[in-house]
Amino acid sequence: MRRPCGCFRHDLMEKAELIANCRRTPDGLSHPSIRRGKRGLFDFPIAGAVPRRVRRVKGTISSGVFLLSLVLLQSHAFCGEMIEKTIEYRTVPGDYGAIISGKLGMSWDQIARDNGIDPAAVIERGRILRVRFRRIVPEMIENGLVINIPDRTLYRFEAGRLKDDYFISAGRPTWQTPLGDFVITAKAKDPTWFVPPSIQKEMEAEGKEVVVEVPPGSDNPLGKYWLQLSIKGVGLHGTNAPQSIYKFRSHGCMRLRPEIAEFLYRHLPVGTPGRIIYKPVKMAKKDGRVFLEVYRDFYKMGIDYEAEAGRLAKELNATNAIDWSKVREALAKKDGIARDVSR
């Protein structure tokens, strides 16, 4: 269920028209609605991440860039490519299960099991953890970002190839991250968070102090870096709660580990296109084997898991290469592990 927090997808043509009506300024883009303190589409109306010294978007974008970005997103939707690597991680002070889970993009229970650790035990400093990481890429685009909500992973593409991947914290099931195409319309360092009325009401209902504005600093839940998306009120940002990464904890925005937020802030220009998708069932072929990766339907979209697995098998021309009892086991567990379901 989507809460009335202002996080919704605008019609693409409406966004293109709005951007076309903007004018360039020395600081970037300005729209007629962004004047004398009035907030408009590109002035962080809900999430409120805006540098304290300015009230208009920093960075530049034009209608041509926006429409080109949409064109760049038009590529084959089905992928079947798989990331596969061995990760060796040495624990550092402050590490515990939830933190390590967000760094490695796997549940702590799985990491602990693979390393013969009691999940409830205290993790000693300097412990080396080894895991075999597999993740099926849900969709390919020419350039930009694909963010898949069920696997809480951001995939970055350049020239039709997967460049790298990072883990996010997505919106809660009761406050969902909206889906759809977007472009990055602005970036901000040390943002101020203007708390949306919907979140103020939540604070009041929970008996917390109602906060209207949070300045930059360690108490700011947006962290040090903010990337504004063209989906109203939604952005990619750092966090002061890194233990929430790889979970569903936000009010619709997508949190990143602080060092990842800084990296993307520096490497993703304004105008970068992207797409937020919802694919809890993924399938891939590698070295003649078929792999299936399944997640829970966190947002209760009514996924028909068996039908989706069958459809993907047909697209991969793998129906006769699959042991369907293994498929049923994976669909029952929904644990996000890329399993070999070959005959």
C-alpha atoms as a PDB file:
ATOM      1  CA  MET A   1       0.000   0.000   0.000  1.00  0.00           C
ATOM      2  CA  ARG A   2       1.381   3.407  -0.940  1.00  0.00           C
ATOM      3  CA  ARG A   3       1.122   6.025   1.773  1.00  0.00           C
ATOM      4  CA  PRO A   4       0.150   9.638   0.991  1.00  0.00           C
ATOM      5  CA  CYS A   5       3.712  10.916   1.376  1.00  0.00           C
ATOM      6  CA  GLY A   6       3.945  12.512  -2.039  1.00  0.00           C
ATOM      7  CA  CYS A   7       6.026   9.639  -3.437  1.00  0.00           C
ATOM      8  CA  PHE A   8       4.372   8.871  -6.752  1.00  0.00           C
ATOM      9  CA  ARG A   9       5.310   8.644 -10.380  1.00  0.00           C
ATOM     10  CA  HIS A  10       4.364  11.515 -12.668  1.00  0.00           C
ATOM     11  CA  ASP A  11       3.262  10.829 -16.194  1.00  0.00           C
ATOM     12  CA  LEU A  12       6.392  10.931 -18.359  1.00  0.00           C
ATOM     13  CA  MET A  13       5.024  13.461 -20.807  1.00  0.00           C
ATOM     14  CA  GLU A  14       3.991  15.717 -17.927  1.00  0.00           C
ATOM     15  CA  LYS A  15       7.564  15.586 -16.601  1.00  0.00           C
ATOM     16  CA  ALA A  16       9.020  16.295 -20.028  1.00  0.00           C
ATOM     17  CA  GLU A  17       6.714  19.296 -20.413  1.00  0.00           C
ATOM     18  CA  LEU A  18       7.658  20.626 -16.981  1.00  0.00           C
ATOM     19  CA  ILE A  19      11.356  20.290 -17.732  1.00  0.00           C
ATOM     20  CA  ALA A  20      10.881  21.961 -21.115  1.00  0.00           C
ATOM     21  CA  ASN A  21       9.418  24.975 -19.296  1.00  0.00           C
ATOM     22  CA  CYS A  22      12.519  25.334 -17.115  1.00  0.00           C
ATOM     23  CA  ARG A  23      15.239  27.810 -17.814  1.00  0.00           C
ATOM     24  CA  ARG A  24      18.981  27.493 -17.246  1.00  0.00           C
ATOM     25  CA  THR A  25      20.651  29.547 -14.529  1.00  0.00           C
ATOM     26  CA  PRO A  26      24.263  29.718 -13.318  1.00  0.00           C
ATOM     27  CA  ASP A  27      23.300  27.196 -10.639  1.00  0.00           C
ATOM     28  CA  GLY A  28      21.375  24.868 -12.920  1.00  0.00           C
ATOM     29  CA  LEU A  29      17.684  24.543 -13.642  1.00  0.00           C
ATOM     30  CA  SER A  30      14.933  26.892 -12.529  1.00  0.00           C
ATOM     31  CA  HIS A  31      11.193  26.504 -13.009  1.00  0.00           C
ATOM     32  CA  PRO A  32       8.524  29.216 -12.792  1.00  0.00           C
ATOM     33  CA  SER A  33       7.161  27.589  -9.631  1.00  0.00           C
ATOM     34  CA  ILE A  34      10.534  27.911  -7.827  1.00  0.00           C
ATOM     35  CA  ARG A  35      10.445  31.529  -6.750  1.00  0.00           C
ATOM     36  CA  ARG A  36      10.311  33.433  -3.482  1.00  0.00           C
ATOM     37  CA  GLY A  37      10.606  30.246  -1.458  1.00  0.00           C
ATOM     38  CA  LYS A  38       7.760  28.428  -3.214  1.00  0.00           C
ATOM     39  CA  ARG A  39       8.711  24.790  -3.781  1.00  0.00           C
ATOM     40  CA  GLY A  40       8.118  23.187  -7.147  1.00  0.00           C
ATOM     41  CA  LEU A  41       8.749  19.833  -8.770  1.00  0.00           C
ATOM     42  CA  PHE A  42      12.516  20.241  -8.761  1.00  0.00           C
ATOM     43  CA  ASP A  43      12.782  21.810  -5.315  1.00  0.00           C
ATOM     44  CA  PHE A  44      12.566  18.644  -3.214  1.00  0.00           C
ATOM     45  CA  PRO A  45       8.883  19.161  -2.263  1.00  0.00           C
ATOM     46  CA  ILE A  46       8.535  16.114  -0.027  1.00  0.00           C
ATOM     47  CA  ALA A  47      11.871  14.636   0.927  1.00  0.00           C
ATOM     48  CA  GLY A  48      13.095  18.194   1.429  1.00  0.00           C
ATOM     49  CA  ALA A  49      16.749  17.575   0.660  1.00  0.00           C
ATOM     50  CA  VAL A  50      18.036  20.947  -0.423  1.00  0.00           C
ATOM     51  CA  PRO A  51      21.294  22.748   0.356  1.00  0.00           C
ATOM     52  CA  ARG A  52      20.683  25.395   3.010  1.00  0.00           C
ATOM     53  CA  ARG A  53      22.035  28.206   0.877  1.00  0.00           C
ATOM     54  CA  VAL A  54      19.871  27.615  -2.209  1.00  0.00           C
ATOM     55  CA  ARG A  55      16.220  27.022  -3.006  1.00  0.00           C
ATOM     56  CA  ARG A  56      16.579  25.860  -6.565  1.00  0.00           C
ATOM     57  CA  VAL A  57      18.048  22.718  -7.979  1.00  0.00           C
ATOM     58  CA  LYS A  58      21.792  22.501  -8.421  1.00  0.00           C
ATOM     59  CA  GLY A  59      22.966  20.840 -11.622  1.00  0.00           C
ATOM     60  CA  THR A  60      21.627  21.094 -15.127  1.00  0.00           C
ATOM     61  CA  ILE A  61      19.171  19.148 -17.219  1.00  0.00           C
ATOM     62  CA  SER A  62      17.174  19.952 -20.312  1.00  0.00           C
ATOM     63  CA  SER A  63      14.115  18.480 -21.953  1.00  0.00           C
ATOM     64  CA  GLY A  64      16.413  17.077 -24.627  1.00  0.00           C
ATOM     65  CA  VAL A  65      18.520  15.316 -22.009  1.00  0.00           C
ATOM     66  CA  PHE A  66      15.410  13.976 -20.309  1.00  0.00           C
ATOM     67  CA  LEU A  67      13.890  12.596 -23.499  1.00  0.00           C
ATOM     68  CA  LEU A  68      17.239  11.131 -24.539  1.00  0.00           C
ATOM     69  CA  SER A  69      17.404   9.451 -21.138  1.00  0.00           C
ATOM     70  CA  LEU A  70      14.072   7.784 -21.820  1.00  0.00           C
ATOM     71  CA  VAL A  71      15.377   6.526 -25.144  1.00  0.00           C
ATOM     72  CA  LEU A  72      18.467   5.063 -23.452  1.00  0.00           C
ATOM     73  CA  LEU A  73      16.187   3.045 -21.190  1.00  0.00           C
ATOM     74  CA  GLN A  74      14.581   1.336 -24.165  1.00  0.00           C
ATOM     75  CA  SER A  75      16.518  -1.919 -24.218  1.00  0.00           C
ATOM     76  CA  HIS A  76      15.781  -5.583 -23.726  1.00  0.00           C
ATOM     77  CA  ALA A  77      13.925  -6.050 -20.461  1.00  0.00           C
ATOM     78  CA  PHE A  78      14.805  -9.690 -19.889  1.00  0.00           C
ATOM     79  CA  CYS A  79      18.406 -10.340 -18.992  1.00  0.00           C
ATOM     80  CA  GLY A  80      19.444 -13.722 -17.635  1.00  0.00           C
ATOM     81  CA  GLU A  81      22.978 -12.475 -16.800  1.00  0.00           C
ATOM     82  CA  MET A  82      24.404 -13.445 -13.432  1.00  0.00           C
ATOM     83  CA  ILE A  83      26.926 -11.869 -11.071  1.00  0.00           C
ATOM     84  CA  GLU A  84      29.116 -14.507  -9.461  1.00  0.00           C
ATOM     85  CA  LYS A  85      32.069 -13.854  -7.155  1.00  0.00           C
ATOM     86  CA  THR A  86      33.748 -15.010  -3.975  1.00  0.00           C
ATOM     87  CA  ILE A  87      33.821 -12.363  -1.264  1.00  0.00           C
ATOM     88  CA  GLU A  88      36.360 -12.343   1.549  1.00  0.00           C
ATOM     89  CA  TYR A  89      35.528  -9.804   4.211  1.00  0.00           C
ATOM     90  CA  ARG A  90      37.528  -8.958   7.343  1.00  0.00           C
ATOM     91  CA  THR A  91      35.372  -7.591  10.165  1.00  0.00           C
ATOM     92  CA  VAL A  92      36.129  -4.158  11.602  1.00  0.00           C
ATOM     93  CA  PRO A  93      35.187  -2.446  14.879  1.00  0.00           C
ATOM     94  CA  GLY A  94      31.456  -1.753  15.027  1.00  0.00           C
ATOM     95  CA  ASP A  95      30.496  -4.672  12.802  1.00  0.00           C
ATOM     96  CA  TYR A  96      27.563  -6.841  13.715  1.00  0.00           C
ATOM     97  CA  GLY A  97      25.107  -8.970  11.747  1.00  0.00           C
ATOM     98  CA  ALA A  98      22.880  -6.223  10.326  1.00  0.00           C
ATOM     99  CA  ILE A  99      25.848  -4.053   9.320  1.00  0.00           C
ATOM    100  CA  ILE A 100      27.663  -6.902   7.577  1.00  0.00           C
ATOM    101  CA  SER A 101      24.446  -7.941   5.820  1.00  0.00           C
ATOM    102  CA  GLY A 102      24.174  -4.459   4.292  1.00  0.00           C
ATOM    103  CA  LYS A 103      27.812  -4.515   3.171  1.00  0.00           C
ATOM    104  CA  LEU A 104      27.648  -7.925   1.493  1.00  0.00           C
ATOM    105  CA  GLY A 105      24.039  -7.927   0.241  1.00  0.00           C
ATOM    106  CA  MET A 106      23.099 -11.184   1.914  1.00  0.00           C
ATOM    107  CA  SER A 107      21.145 -12.105   5.013  1.00  0.00           C
ATOM    108  CA  TRP A 108      23.256 -12.409   8.148  1.00  0.00           C
ATOM    109  CA  ASP A 109      21.811 -15.871   8.794  1.00  0.00           C
ATOM    110  CA  GLN A 110      23.159 -17.041   5.439  1.00  0.00           C
ATOM    111  CA  ILE A 111      26.568 -15.410   5.973  1.00  0.00           C
ATOM    112  CA  ALA A 112      26.825 -16.927   9.469  1.00  0.00           C
ATOM    113  CA  ARG A 113      25.756 -20.363   8.227  1.00  0.00           C
ATOM    114  CA  ASP A 114      28.320 -20.324   5.414  1.00  0.00           C
ATOM    115  CA  ASN A 115      31.051 -19.506   7.943  1.00  0.00           C
ATOM    116  CA  GLY A 116      29.992 -21.839  10.754  1.00  0.00           C
ATOM    117  CA  ILE A 117      29.052 -18.972  13.077  1.00  0.00           C
ATOM    118  CA  ASP A 118      26.205 -18.779  15.554  1.00  0.00           C
ATOM    119  CA  PRO A 119      24.119 -15.858  14.188  1.00  0.00           C
ATOM    120  CA  ALA A 120      23.526 -14.624  17.752  1.00  0.00           C
ATOM    121  CA  ALA A 121      27.215 -14.698  18.743  1.00  0.00           C
ATOM    122  CA  VAL A 122      29.367 -11.589  19.118  1.00  0.00           C
ATOM    123  CA  ILE A 123      31.618 -11.182  16.065  1.00  0.00           C
ATOM    124  CA  GLU A 124      35.263 -10.724  16.950  1.00  0.00           C
ATOM    125  CA  ARG A 125      37.272  -7.972  15.267  1.00  0.00           C
ATOM    126  CA  GLY A 126      39.409  -9.165  12.370  1.00  0.00           C
ATOM    127  CA  ARG A 127      37.347 -12.281  11.681  1.00  0.00           C
ATOM    128  CA  ILE A 128      37.542 -13.260   8.013  1.00  0.00           C
ATOM    129  CA  LEU A 129      34.211 -14.145   6.437  1.00  0.00           C
ATOM    130  CA  ARG A 130      34.028 -15.939   3.092  1.00  0.00           C
ATOM    131  CA  VAL A 131      30.870 -16.149   1.025  1.00  0.00           C
ATOM    132  CA  ARG A 132      29.970 -17.178  -2.501  1.00  0.00           C
ATOM    133  CA  PHE A 133      27.884 -14.334  -3.911  1.00  0.00           C
ATOM    134  CA  ARG A 134      25.481 -14.928  -6.780  1.00  0.00           C
ATOM    135  CA  ARG A 135      22.917 -12.461  -8.040  1.00  0.00           C
ATOM    136  CA  ILE A 136      20.882 -12.582 -11.233  1.00  0.00           C
ATOM    137  CA  VAL A 137      20.694  -9.244 -13.042  1.00  0.00           C
ATOM    138  CA  PRO A 138      16.951  -8.565 -13.442  1.00  0.00           C
ATOM    139  CA  GLU A 139      17.087  -6.189 -16.410  1.00  0.00           C
ATOM    140  CA  MET A 140      19.646  -4.588 -18.723  1.00  0.00           C
ATOM    141  CA  ILE A 141      19.718  -1.037 -20.052  1.00  0.00           C
ATOM    142  CA  GLU A 142      22.222   0.788 -22.229  1.00  0.00           C
ATOM    143  CA  ASN A 143      23.277   3.410 -19.667  1.00  0.00           C
ATOM    144  CA  GLY A 144      22.057   4.331 -16.204  1.00  0.00           C
ATOM    145  CA  LEU A 145      20.569   2.580 -13.206  1.00  0.00           C
ATOM    146  CA  VAL A 146      18.210  -0.311 -12.588  1.00  0.00           C
ATOM    147  CA  ILE A 147      16.971  -0.679  -9.016  1.00  0.00           C
ATOM    148  CA  ASN A 148      15.129  -3.874  -8.166  1.00  0.00           C
ATOM    149  CA  ILE A 149      13.117  -3.539  -4.965  1.00  0.00           C
ATOM    150  CA  PRO A 150      12.830  -7.218  -3.931  1.00  0.00           C
ATOM    151  CA  ASP A 151      16.604  -7.835  -4.080  1.00  0.00           C
ATOM    152  CA  ARG A 152      17.372  -4.316  -2.752  1.00  0.00           C
ATOM    153  CA  THR A 153      20.114  -3.879  -5.329  1.00  0.00           C
ATOM    154  CA  LEU A 154      21.097  -0.955  -7.533  1.00  0.00           C
ATOM    155  CA  TYR A 155      22.705  -1.994 -10.830  1.00  0.00           C
ATOM    156  CA  ARG A 156      24.773   0.577 -12.780  1.00  0.00           C
ATOM    157  CA  PHE A 157      25.229   0.169 -16.550  1.00  0.00           C
ATOM    158  CA  GLU A 158      27.575   1.730 -19.068  1.00  0.00           C
ATOM    159  CA  ALA A 159      27.519   0.977 -22.808  1.00  0.00           C
ATOM    160  CA  GLY A 160      25.122  -1.924 -22.323  1.00  0.00           C
ATOM    161  CA  ARG A 161      27.306  -3.640 -19.708  1.00  0.00           C
ATOM    162  CA  LEU A 162      26.901  -3.995 -15.970  1.00  0.00           C
ATOM    163  CA  LYS A 163      29.464  -1.649 -14.397  1.00  0.00           C
ATOM    164  CA  ASP A 164      28.853  -2.355 -10.703  1.00  0.00           C
ATOM    165  CA  ASP A 165      26.125  -3.035  -8.158  1.00  0.00           C
ATOM    166  CA  TYR A 166      25.279  -1.709  -4.698  1.00  0.00           C
ATOM    167  CA  PHE A 167      22.761  -2.443  -1.963  1.00  0.00           C
ATOM    168  CA  ILE A 168      19.973  -0.176  -0.759  1.00  0.00           C
ATOM    169  CA  SER A 169      17.374   0.146   1.937  1.00  0.00           C
ATOM    170  CA  ALA A 170      13.964   0.390   0.265  1.00  0.00           C
ATOM    171  CA  GLY A 171      10.614   1.736   1.423  1.00  0.00           C
ATOM    172  CA  ARG A 172       8.714  -0.219   4.028  1.00  0.00           C
ATOM    173  CA  PRO A 173       5.860  -2.438   2.853  1.00  0.00           C
ATOM    174  CA  THR A 174       3.523   0.128   4.437  1.00  0.00           C
ATOM    175  CA  TRP A 175       5.360   3.046   2.766  1.00  0.00           C
ATOM    176  CA  GLN A 176       6.523   1.696  -0.554  1.00  0.00           C
ATOM    177  CA  THR A 177       9.199   2.967  -2.896  1.00  0.00           C
ATOM    178  CA  PRO A 178       7.379   3.932  -6.109  1.00  0.00           C
ATOM    179  CA  LEU A 179       8.222   2.144  -9.343  1.00  0.00           C
ATOM    180  CA  GLY A 180       8.930   3.620 -12.761  1.00  0.00           C
ATOM    181  CA  ASP A 181      11.437   5.408 -14.971  1.00  0.00           C
ATOM    182  CA  PHE A 182      13.358   8.425 -13.691  1.00  0.00           C
ATOM    183  CA  VAL A 183      16.311  10.693 -14.263  1.00  0.00           C
ATOM    184  CA  ILE A 184      18.566  12.269 -11.656  1.00  0.00           C
ATOM    185  CA  THR A 185      17.484  15.899 -11.640  1.00  0.00           C
ATOM    186  CA  ALA A 186      19.789  17.328  -8.967  1.00  0.00           C
ATOM    187  CA  LYS A 187      22.463  16.524  -6.393  1.00  0.00           C
ATOM    188  CA  ALA A 188      23.185  18.042  -3.000  1.00  0.00           C
ATOM    189  CA  LYS A 189      25.998  17.733  -0.472  1.00  0.00           C
ATOM    190  CA  ASP A 190      25.155  18.240   3.216  1.00  0.00           C
ATOM    191  CA  PRO A 191      21.403  18.497   2.577  1.00  0.00           C
ATOM    192  CA  THR A 192      18.853  19.815   5.031  1.00  0.00           C
ATOM    193  CA  TRP A 193      15.877  17.503   5.532  1.00  0.00           C
ATOM    194  CA  PHE A 194      12.534  19.267   5.517  1.00  0.00           C
ATOM    195  CA  VAL A 195      10.348  16.679   7.214  1.00  0.00           C
ATOM    196  CA  PRO A 196       7.186  15.915   5.196  1.00  0.00           C
ATOM    197  CA  PRO A 197       3.851  16.426   6.995  1.00  0.00           C
ATOM    198  CA  SER A 198       3.117  12.698   6.611  1.00  0.00           C
ATOM    199  CA  ILE A 199       6.260  11.820   8.583  1.00  0.00           C
ATOM    200  CA  GLN A 200       5.515  14.528  11.150  1.00  0.00           C
ATOM    201  CA  LYS A 201       2.150  12.851  11.738  1.00  0.00           C
ATOM    202  CA  GLU A 202       3.900   9.519  12.170  1.00  0.00           C
ATOM    203  CA  MET A 203       6.253  11.072  14.753  1.00  0.00           C
ATOM    204  CA  GLU A 204       3.271  12.455  16.647  1.00  0.00           C
ATOM    205  CA  ALA A 205       1.411   9.119  16.539  1.00  0.00           C
ATOM    206  CA  GLU A 206       4.483   7.333  17.920  1.00  0.00           C
ATOM    207  CA  GLY A 207       4.833   9.821  20.764  1.00  0.00           C
ATOM    208  CA  LYS A 208       8.085  11.260  19.411  1.00  0.00           C
ATOM    209  CA  GLU A 209       9.115  14.886  19.275  1.00  0.00           C
ATOM    210  CA  VAL A 210       7.749  16.345  16.031  1.00  0.00           C
ATOM    211  CA  VAL A 211      10.630  17.718  13.984  1.00  0.00           C
ATOM    212  CA  VAL A 212      10.052  20.047  11.044  1.00  0.00           C
ATOM    213  CA  GLU A 213      13.606  20.493   9.792  1.00  0.00           C
ATOM    214  CA  VAL A 214      16.874  18.630  10.338  1.00  0.00           C
ATOM    215  CA  PRO A 215      20.092  20.487   9.436  1.00  0.00           C
ATOM    216  CA  PRO A 216      23.184  18.774   8.024  1.00  0.00           C
ATOM    217  CA  GLY A 217      25.037  16.645  10.532  1.00  0.00           C
ATOM    218  CA  SER A 218      25.135  13.274  12.209  1.00  0.00           C
ATOM    219  CA  ASP A 219      21.433  13.403  13.148  1.00  0.00           C
ATOM    220  CA  ASN A 220      20.316  13.917   9.542  1.00  0.00           C
ATOM    221  CA  PRO A 221      18.814  10.672   8.154  1.00  0.00           C
ATOM    222  CA  LEU A 222      19.740  11.757   4.597  1.00  0.00           C
ATOM    223  CA  GLY A 223      23.444  11.508   5.394  1.00  0.00           C
ATOM    224  CA  LYS A 224      25.907  13.762   3.548  1.00  0.00           C
ATOM    225  CA  TYR A 225      24.786  13.165  -0.047  1.00  0.00           C
ATOM    226  CA  TRP A 226      21.453  13.363  -1.850  1.00  0.00           C
ATOM    227  CA  LEU A 227      20.553  12.544  -5.468  1.00  0.00           C
ATOM    228  CA  GLN A 228      17.106  13.834  -6.402  1.00  0.00           C
ATOM    229  CA  LEU A 229      15.033  11.708  -8.782  1.00  0.00           C
ATOM    230  CA  SER A 230      12.346  12.956 -11.152  1.00  0.00           C
ATOM    231  CA  ILE A 231       9.875  10.751  -9.269  1.00  0.00           C
ATOM    232  CA  LYS A 232       8.395  13.354  -6.963  1.00  0.00           C
ATOM    233  CA  GLY A 233       9.736  13.351  -3.425  1.00  0.00           C
ATOM    234  CA  VAL A 234      12.068  10.390  -3.961  1.00  0.00           C
ATOM    235  CA  GLY A 235      15.838  10.262  -3.932  1.00  0.00           C
ATOM    236  CA  LEU A 236      18.939   8.185  -3.394  1.00  0.00           C
ATOM    237  CA  HIS A 237      20.803   9.282  -0.292  1.00  0.00           C
ATOM    238  CA  GLY A 238      23.217   8.341   2.449  1.00  0.00           C
ATOM    239  CA  THR A 239      22.104   7.423   5.919  1.00  0.00           C
ATOM    240  CA  ASN A 240      22.985   7.730   9.586  1.00  0.00           C
ATOM    241  CA  ALA A 241      21.581   4.218  10.095  1.00  0.00           C
ATOM    242  CA  PRO A 242      23.813   1.912   8.003  1.00  0.00           C
ATOM    243  CA  GLN A 243      22.331  -1.118   9.768  1.00  0.00           C
ATOM    244  CA  SER A 244      19.156  -0.483   7.738  1.00  0.00           C
ATOM    245  CA  ILE A 245      20.837  -1.219   4.379  1.00  0.00           C
ATOM    246  CA  TYR A 246      19.513  -4.318   2.601  1.00  0.00           C
ATOM    247  CA  LYS A 247      16.250  -3.991   4.496  1.00  0.00           C
ATOM    248  CA  PHE A 248      12.876  -2.293   4.026  1.00  0.00           C
ATOM    249  CA  ARG A 249      13.106   0.645   6.430  1.00  0.00           C
ATOM    250  CA  SER A 250      12.619   3.950   4.605  1.00  0.00           C
ATOM    251  CA  HIS A 251       9.635   6.187   3.866  1.00  0.00           C
ATOM    252  CA  GLY A 252       9.998   5.582   0.128  1.00  0.00           C
ATOM    253  CA  CYS A 253      13.471   6.905  -0.646  1.00  0.00           C
ATOM    254  CA  MET A 254      16.425   4.576  -1.130  1.00  0.00           C
ATOM    255  CA  ARG A 255      19.212   4.673   1.422  1.00  0.00           C
ATOM    256  CA  LEU A 256      22.825   3.847   0.597  1.00  0.00           C
ATOM    257  CA  ARG A 257      25.841   3.182   2.784  1.00  0.00           C
ATOM    258  CA  PRO A 258      27.641   6.521   3.360  1.00  0.00           C
ATOM    259  CA  GLU A 259      30.680   5.634   1.228  1.00  0.00           C
ATOM    260  CA  ILE A 260      28.449   4.382  -1.609  1.00  0.00           C
ATOM    261  CA  ALA A 261      26.332   7.544  -1.496  1.00  0.00           C
ATOM    262  CA  GLU A 262      29.500   9.625  -1.827  1.00  0.00           C
ATOM    263  CA  PHE A 263      30.779   7.493  -4.716  1.00  0.00           C
ATOM    264  CA  LEU A 264      27.519   7.746  -6.669  1.00  0.00           C
ATOM    265  CA  TYR A 265      27.254  11.468  -5.908  1.00  0.00           C
ATOM    266  CA  ARG A 266      30.649  11.941  -7.549  1.00  0.00           C
ATOM    267  CA  HIS A 267      30.148   9.563 -10.483  1.00  0.00           C
ATOM    268  CA  LEU A 268      26.499   9.937 -11.511  1.00  0.00           C
ATOM    269  CA  PRO A 269      25.878  13.196 -13.376  1.00  0.00           C
ATOM    270  CA  VAL A 270      22.583  15.040 -13.398  1.00  0.00           C
ATOM    271  CA  GLY A 271      20.560  13.577 -16.271  1.00  0.00           C
ATOM    272  CA  THR A 272      21.489   9.955 -15.513  1.00  0.00           C
ATOM    273  CA  PRO A 273      18.465   7.794 -16.393  1.00  0.00           C
ATOM    274  CA  GLY A 274      17.163   4.925 -14.330  1.00  0.00           C
ATOM    275  CA  ARG A 275      14.312   2.577 -13.642  1.00  0.00           C
ATOM    276  CA  ILE A 276      12.852   1.203 -10.404  1.00  0.00           C
ATOM    277  CA  ILE A 277      11.394  -2.262 -10.931  1.00  0.00           C
ATOM    278  CA  TYR A 278       9.789  -5.035  -8.888  1.00  0.00           C
ATOM    279  CA  LYS A 279      10.993  -8.504  -9.886  1.00  0.00           C
ATOM    280  CA  PRO A 280      10.993 -11.052  -7.066  1.00  0.00           C
ATOM    281  CA  VAL A 281      11.571 -13.966  -9.475  1.00  0.00           C
ATOM    282  CA  LYS A 282      14.722 -14.039 -11.618  1.00  0.00           C
ATOM    283  CA  MET A 283      16.249 -16.751 -13.786  1.00  0.00           C
ATOM    284  CA  ALA A 284      19.554 -17.071 -15.647  1.00  0.00           C
ATOM    285  CA  LYS A 285      21.616 -19.532 -17.654  1.00  0.00           C
ATOM    286  CA  LYS A 286      25.335 -19.857 -17.030  1.00  0.00           C
ATOM    287  CA  ASP A 287      27.749 -22.492 -18.334  1.00  0.00           C
ATOM    288  CA  GLY A 288      24.842 -24.674 -19.386  1.00  0.00           C
ATOM    289  CA  ARG A 289      23.202 -24.531 -15.948  1.00  0.00           C
ATOM    290  CA  VAL A 290      19.938 -22.798 -15.009  1.00  0.00           C
ATOM    291  CA  PHE A 291      19.709 -20.666 -11.872  1.00  0.00           C
ATOM    292  CA  LEU A 292      16.613 -19.350 -10.093  1.00  0.00           C
ATOM    293  CA  GLU A 293      16.542 -16.572  -7.494  1.00  0.00           C
ATOM    294  CA  VAL A 294      13.321 -15.916  -5.578  1.00  0.00           C
ATOM    295  CA  TYR A 295      12.283 -13.306  -3.009  1.00  0.00           C
ATOM    296  CA  ARG A 296       9.196 -12.770  -0.941  1.00  0.00           C
ATOM    297  CA  ASP A 297       6.471 -10.523  -2.321  1.00  0.00           C
ATOM    298  CA  PHE A 298       7.325  -7.787   0.180  1.00  0.00           C
ATOM    299  CA  TYR A 299       4.894  -5.270  -1.321  1.00  0.00           C
ATOM    300  CA  LYS A 300       2.097  -7.816  -1.738  1.00  0.00           C
ATOM    301  CA  MET A 301       1.792  -7.299  -5.479  1.00  0.00           C
ATOM    302  CA  GLY A 302       0.013 -10.626  -5.934  1.00  0.00           C
ATOM    303  CA  ILE A 303       2.895 -12.332  -7.746  1.00  0.00           C
ATOM    304  CA  ASP A 304       2.022 -15.654  -9.393  1.00  0.00           C
ATOM    305  CA  TYR A 305       5.349 -17.328  -8.680  1.00  0.00           C
ATOM    306  CA  GLU A 306       4.830 -20.527 -10.631  1.00  0.00           C
ATOM    307  CA  ALA A 307       3.574 -18.666 -13.690  1.00  0.00           C
ATOM    308  CA  GLU A 308       6.498 -16.250 -13.546  1.00  0.00           C
ATOM    309  CA  ALA A 309       9.031 -19.078 -13.265  1.00  0.00           C
ATOM    310  CA  GLY A 310       7.408 -20.799 -16.236  1.00  0.00           C
ATOM    311  CA  ARG A 311       7.470 -17.620 -18.302  1.00  0.00           C
ATOM    312  CA  LEU A 312      11.157 -16.994 -17.580  1.00  0.00           C
ATOM    313  CA  ALA A 313      12.024 -20.606 -18.413  1.00  0.00           C
ATOM    314  CA  LYS A 314      10.347 -20.197 -21.805  1.00  0.00           C
ATOM    315  CA  GLU A 315      12.181 -16.943 -22.506  1.00  0.00           C
ATOM    316  CA  LEU A 316      15.470 -18.679 -21.722  1.00  0.00           C
ATOM    317  CA  ASN A 317      14.445 -21.720 -23.771  1.00  0.00           C
ATOM    318  CA  ALA A 318      15.220 -23.733 -20.639  1.00  0.00           C
ATOM    319  CA  THR A 319      11.931 -25.487 -19.864  1.00  0.00           C
ATOM    320  CA  ASN A 320      13.282 -28.956 -20.604  1.00  0.00           C
ATOM    321  CA  ALA A 321      16.605 -28.294 -18.866  1.00  0.00           C
ATOM    322  CA  ILE A 322      14.995 -27.610 -15.485  1.00  0.00           C
ATOM    323  CA  ASP A 323      14.261 -29.924 -12.577  1.00  0.00           C
ATOM    324  CA  TRP A 324      10.872 -28.525 -11.626  1.00  0.00           C
ATOM    325  CA  SER A 325      10.982 -30.074  -8.153  1.00  0.00           C
ATOM    326  CA  LYS A 326      13.992 -27.827  -7.479  1.00  0.00           C
ATOM    327  CA  VAL A 327      11.999 -24.876  -8.811  1.00  0.00           C
ATOM    328  CA  ARG A 328       9.130 -25.626  -6.435  1.00  0.00           C
ATOM    329  CA  GLU A 329      11.585 -25.822  -3.537  1.00  0.00           C
ATOM    330  CA  ALA A 330      13.078 -22.425  -4.431  1.00  0.00           C
ATOM    331  CA  LEU A 331       9.609 -20.896  -4.823  1.00  0.00           C
ATOM    332  CA  ALA A 332       8.646 -22.225  -1.396  1.00  0.00           C
ATOM    333  CA  LYS A 333      11.767 -20.896   0.363  1.00  0.00           C
ATOM    334  CA  LYS A 334      11.880 -17.432  -1.241  1.00  0.00           C
ATOM    335  CA  ASP A 335      15.236 -16.813   0.425  1.00  0.00           C
ATOM    336  CA  GLY A 336      16.962 -14.808  -2.307  1.00  0.00           C
ATOM    337  CA  ILE A 337      19.606 -17.461  -2.963  1.00  0.00           C
ATOM    338  CA  ALA A 338      20.412 -18.062  -6.638  1.00  0.00           C
ATOM    339  CA  ARG A 339      19.908 -21.823  -6.800  1.00  0.00           C
ATOM    340  CA  ASP A 340      20.930 -24.246  -9.516  1.00  0.00           C
ATOM    341  CA  VAL A 341      17.635 -25.769 -10.702  1.00  0.00           C
ATOM    342  CA  SER A 342      19.074 -27.724 -13.628  1.00  0.00           C
ATOM    343  CA  ARG A 343      18.240 -31.357 -14.296  1.00  0.00           C
END
